[in-house]
Amino acid sequence: MKKDRVLFGIILILGSIFMILSKLGYFEDFNIFYLFLSGVFLFVSIRSLFRKNFYGVFFPLAFIGIIYSKQLGITDITPGPILIAAALLSLGLSLIFKKPKYVINNGDYDKIYEDVAYEDSEYINLNTSFGSSIKYINTDNFKCANLSCSFGSMKLYFDNASILNDSAVLKLDVSFGGVEIFVPKDWYIDDKTSVSFGGLTEKNKGDRNTSKTLILTGDISFSGVDIIYI
């Protein structure tokens, strides 16, 4: 994740330099902004491919197609059809190449858990696509959850959940969506997510001492995630 931030930071710096040079009369034959934007989209697409985040693969490529539709001779399929095709390809491949659901690193062991259907279990799977949902986690021994949200919104409540050990894991896979996560005020959030064209914010955060940590991992692309302390 650190390498991703460094590489994206370099792209932003180079983009600002090229834009200034173009205003000074250099690179007159090129649209520097479009070139820079295409570079960012291509970076996100390649990075998402290695993570099997297909929404992050096809939508940036679709945006590149829209930018250069005249040069590529595809004006008849932009912007609507190419975006619909990107959505269908992303959804189809996400269903075919399903990711492992849970990964816990507890110091002494690594464990992978598949889907668990019950929201009062220690290991929970949560999915929302092209819709909205509200999920309540009611368990006395929460350990891990996998949250997948694409083209939709989700509200997730942990106010009736307890962490018996020192930490629990919430793995995020959020693409083109919005997620609100409500957690107890005495929990600490350890953010280890990778973010592309999105953001993760914490609200109502106060000074507190706690031994209970919720570790956030996974990918957030073209989305917003809000952590709200209650």
Protein backbone atom coordinates (compact mmCIF):
# COMPACT_ATOMS: atom_id res chain seq x y z
CA MET A 1 0.00 0.00 0.00
CA LYS A 2 2.89 2.35 0.73
CA LYS A 3 4.32 1.71 -2.75
CA ASP A 4 0.90 2.50 -4.27
CA ARG A 5 0.75 5.83 -2.47
CA VAL A 6 4.30 6.73 -3.52
CA LEU A 7 3.64 5.84 -7.18
CA PHE A 8 0.35 7.73 -7.25
CA GLY A 9 2.02 10.71 -5.57
CA ILE A 10 4.71 10.73 -8.27
CA ILE A 11 2.01 10.67 -10.97
CA LEU A 12 0.28 13.66 -9.39
CA ILE A 13 3.55 15.62 -9.15
CA LEU A 14 4.48 14.85 -12.76
CA GLY A 15 0.98 15.80 -13.85
CA SER A 16 1.25 19.20 -12.18
CA ILE A 17 4.64 19.79 -13.86
CA PHE A 18 3.30 18.88 -17.32
CA MET A 19 0.28 21.14 -16.87
CA ILE A 20 2.50 24.10 -15.93
CA LEU A 21 4.84 23.45 -18.88
CA SER A 22 1.88 23.25 -21.26
CA LYS A 23 0.69 26.68 -20.07
CA LEU A 24 4.18 28.03 -20.80
CA GLY A 25 3.93 26.91 -24.44
CA TYR A 26 5.54 23.49 -24.29
CA PHE A 27 3.83 20.29 -25.51
CA GLU A 28 1.41 22.30 -27.66
CA ASP A 29 0.59 19.29 -29.83
CA PHE A 30 -0.60 17.26 -26.86
CA ASN A 31 -3.50 17.61 -24.48
CA ILE A 32 -1.46 17.27 -21.32
CA PHE A 33 -4.48 17.00 -19.05
CA TYR A 34 -5.93 14.07 -21.02
CA LEU A 35 -2.54 12.34 -21.12
CA PHE A 36 -2.15 12.75 -17.38
CA LEU A 37 -5.70 11.59 -16.70
CA SER A 38 -5.17 8.55 -18.94
CA GLY A 39 -2.00 7.70 -17.05
CA VAL A 40 -3.89 7.77 -13.76
CA PHE A 41 -6.68 5.59 -15.15
CA LEU A 42 -4.16 3.12 -16.56
CA PHE A 43 -2.34 2.96 -13.22
CA VAL A 44 -5.60 2.20 -11.40
CA SER A 45 -6.56 -0.43 -13.98
CA ILE A 46 -3.25 -2.33 -13.80
CA ARG A 47 -3.15 -2.13 -10.02
CA SER A 48 -6.73 -3.40 -9.78
CA LEU A 49 -5.98 -6.31 -12.13
CA PHE A 50 -3.41 -7.74 -9.73
CA ARG A 51 -5.95 -7.44 -6.92
CA LYS A 52 -8.74 -9.02 -9.01
CA ASN A 53 -10.83 -5.88 -8.50
CA PHE A 54 -12.57 -5.98 -11.87
CA TYR A 55 -14.58 -2.80 -11.35
CA GLY A 56 -11.28 -1.00 -10.91
CA VAL A 57 -9.98 -2.64 -14.10
CA PHE A 58 -12.74 -2.01 -16.63
CA PHE A 59 -14.16 1.36 -15.59
CA PRO A 60 -10.83 3.22 -15.90
CA LEU A 61 -10.37 1.59 -19.33
CA ALA A 62 -13.90 2.70 -20.26
CA PHE A 63 -13.06 6.26 -19.23
CA ILE A 64 -9.94 6.15 -21.40
CA GLY A 65 -12.14 4.95 -24.28
CA ILE A 66 -14.49 7.88 -23.72
CA ILE A 67 -11.60 10.39 -23.69
CA TYR A 68 -10.16 9.06 -26.98
CA SER A 69 -13.42 7.94 -28.60
CA LYS A 70 -12.82 10.00 -31.77
CA GLN A 71 -9.25 8.78 -32.22
CA LEU A 72 -10.33 5.17 -31.66
CA GLY A 73 -13.43 5.48 -33.85
CA ILE A 74 -15.80 4.32 -31.11
CA THR A 75 -18.02 7.39 -30.75
CA ASP A 76 -21.09 5.22 -31.41
CA ILE A 77 -20.58 3.28 -28.19
CA THR A 78 -19.63 6.14 -25.88
CA PRO A 79 -20.36 7.04 -23.23
CA GLY A 80 -23.42 4.97 -22.27
CA PRO A 81 -22.83 1.58 -23.94
CA ILE A 82 -19.17 1.36 -22.98
CA LEU A 83 -19.97 2.12 -19.31
CA ILE A 84 -22.75 -0.49 -19.28
CA ALA A 85 -20.36 -3.01 -20.84
CA ALA A 86 -17.75 -2.20 -18.17
CA ALA A 87 -20.34 -2.75 -15.44
CA LEU A 88 -21.49 -6.09 -16.86
CA LEU A 89 -17.93 -7.33 -17.43
CA SER A 90 -16.94 -6.33 -13.90
CA LEU A 91 -19.94 -8.00 -12.30
CA GLY A 92 -19.60 -11.17 -14.38
CA LEU A 93 -15.90 -11.65 -13.73
CA SER A 94 -16.34 -10.81 -10.04
CA LEU A 95 -18.84 -13.66 -9.77
CA ILE A 96 -16.58 -16.09 -11.66
CA PHE A 97 -13.31 -15.22 -9.93
CA LYS A 98 -14.59 -14.98 -6.39
CA LYS A 99 -12.03 -13.87 -3.83
CA PRO A 100 -11.35 -15.73 -0.60
CA LYS A 101 -13.59 -14.17 1.98
CA TYR A 102 -11.63 -13.86 5.17
CA VAL A 103 -7.98 -13.56 6.02
CA ILE A 104 -6.92 -13.29 9.66
CA ASN A 105 -3.38 -12.86 10.83
CA ASN A 106 -3.42 -13.52 14.56
CA GLY A 107 0.32 -13.65 15.09
CA ASP A 108 0.55 -17.43 15.48
CA TYR A 109 -1.53 -18.46 12.46
CA ASP A 110 -3.07 -17.35 9.20
CA LYS A 111 -6.56 -18.53 8.38
CA ILE A 112 -8.86 -18.19 5.37
CA TYR A 113 -12.61 -18.40 5.89
CA GLU A 114 -15.25 -18.86 3.24
CA ASP A 115 -18.79 -17.44 3.21
CA VAL A 116 -20.76 -17.54 6.44
CA ALA A 117 -24.41 -16.59 6.10
CA TYR A 118 -25.29 -15.49 9.62
CA GLU A 119 -24.71 -11.97 10.89
CA ASP A 120 -24.45 -13.12 14.49
CA SER A 121 -21.49 -15.38 13.71
CA GLU A 122 -17.81 -14.80 14.50
CA TYR A 123 -17.06 -14.72 10.74
CA ILE A 124 -19.50 -12.80 8.58
CA ASN A 125 -20.01 -12.15 4.87
CA LEU A 126 -21.84 -9.00 3.72
CA ASN A 127 -22.72 -8.20 0.10
CA THR A 128 -24.58 -5.41 -1.67
CA SER A 129 -24.66 -4.74 -5.43
CA PHE A 130 -26.86 -2.26 -7.30
CA GLY A 131 -28.93 -1.50 -4.22
CA SER A 132 -28.84 -0.41 -0.61
CA SER A 133 -28.80 -2.36 2.63
CA ILE A 134 -28.52 -2.04 6.40
CA LYS A 135 -26.60 -4.68 8.34
CA TYR A 136 -26.55 -5.21 12.09
CA ILE A 137 -23.74 -7.24 13.64
CA ASN A 138 -24.94 -8.88 16.84
CA THR A 139 -22.26 -11.12 18.29
CA ASP A 140 -20.39 -11.44 21.56
CA ASN A 141 -17.20 -12.62 19.84
CA PHE A 142 -16.70 -10.75 16.58
CA LYS A 143 -13.50 -11.80 14.78
CA CYS A 144 -13.77 -11.08 11.08
CA ALA A 145 -16.13 -9.86 8.36
CA ASN A 146 -15.88 -9.46 4.61
CA LEU A 147 -17.80 -6.50 3.19
CA SER A 148 -18.40 -6.23 -0.55
CA CYS A 149 -20.31 -3.24 -1.93
CA SER A 150 -20.46 -2.29 -5.60
CA PHE A 151 -22.76 0.27 -7.21
CA GLY A 152 -24.74 0.55 -4.02
CA SER A 153 -24.76 1.75 -0.45
CA MET A 154 -24.48 -0.03 2.86
CA LYS A 155 -24.86 0.89 6.51
CA LEU A 156 -23.11 -1.44 8.94
CA TYR A 157 -23.75 -1.28 12.68
CA PHE A 158 -21.32 -2.73 15.24
CA ASP A 159 -22.93 -1.16 18.33
CA ASN A 160 -24.16 -4.60 19.51
CA ALA A 161 -20.91 -6.39 18.70
CA SER A 162 -18.08 -7.22 21.08
CA ILE A 163 -14.43 -8.05 20.41
CA LEU A 164 -13.17 -10.59 22.95
CA ASN A 165 -9.61 -10.69 21.69
CA ASP A 166 -7.46 -7.61 21.20
CA SER A 167 -8.47 -7.14 17.56
CA ALA A 168 -10.87 -8.09 14.77
CA VAL A 169 -10.67 -7.68 10.99
CA LEU A 170 -13.05 -6.03 8.54
CA LYS A 171 -12.02 -6.62 4.93
CA LEU A 172 -13.49 -4.08 2.49
CA ASP A 173 -14.08 -4.46 -1.24
CA VAL A 174 -15.93 -1.26 -2.16
CA SER A 175 -16.27 -0.06 -5.76
CA PHE A 176 -18.50 2.78 -6.96
CA GLY A 177 -20.44 2.77 -3.71
CA GLY A 178 -20.85 4.36 -0.33
CA VAL A 179 -20.46 2.64 3.04
CA GLU A 180 -21.17 3.92 6.54
CA ILE A 181 -19.73 1.88 9.40
CA PHE A 182 -20.97 2.60 12.93
CA VAL A 183 -18.62 1.45 15.68
CA PRO A 184 -18.53 1.85 19.49
CA LYS A 185 -16.66 4.88 20.77
CA ASP A 186 -14.17 2.73 22.67
CA TRP A 187 -12.92 0.94 19.53
CA TYR A 188 -9.72 1.93 17.77
CA ILE A 189 -9.63 1.85 13.96
CA ASP A 190 -6.40 0.63 12.34
CA ASP A 191 -6.77 1.63 8.68
CA LYS A 192 -4.76 -0.58 6.33
CA THR A 193 -6.99 -0.14 3.28
CA SER A 194 -5.79 0.73 -0.21
CA VAL A 195 -7.71 3.67 -1.70
CA SER A 196 -8.02 4.73 -5.36
CA PHE A 197 -10.20 7.72 -6.28
CA GLY A 198 -12.03 7.57 -3.00
CA GLY A 199 -11.60 8.19 0.67
CA LEU A 200 -12.05 6.92 4.21
CA THR A 201 -13.05 9.36 6.94
CA GLU A 202 -13.68 9.06 10.69
CA LYS A 203 -16.46 11.05 12.38
CA ASN A 204 -17.13 11.76 16.06
CA LYS A 205 -13.67 10.49 16.92
CA GLY A 206 -12.52 11.41 20.41
CA ASP A 207 -9.56 10.84 22.70
CA ARG A 208 -9.82 7.43 24.33
CA ASN A 209 -7.76 4.56 25.57
CA THR A 210 -8.82 1.11 24.42
CA SER A 211 -7.39 -2.33 23.79
CA LYS A 212 -10.05 -3.24 21.21
CA THR A 213 -8.90 -2.66 17.64
CA LEU A 214 -10.85 -3.04 14.38
CA ILE A 215 -8.38 -3.58 11.55
CA LEU A 216 -9.60 -2.38 8.15
CA THR A 217 -8.04 -4.03 5.08
CA GLY A 218 -8.94 -4.39 1.40
CA ASP A 219 -9.66 -1.98 -1.46
CA ILE A 220 -11.73 1.18 -1.82
CA SER A 221 -12.03 2.46 -5.39
CA PHE A 222 -14.23 5.29 -6.70
CA SER A 223 -16.05 5.16 -3.35
CA GLY A 224 -16.41 6.75 0.05
CA VAL A 225 -16.29 4.98 3.41
CA ASP A 226 -17.29 6.76 6.62
CA ILE A 227 -16.41 5.43 10.08
CA ILE A 228 -18.88 6.87 12.61
CA TYR A 229 -18.28 6.47 16.35
CA ILE A 230 -21.45 6.05 18.43
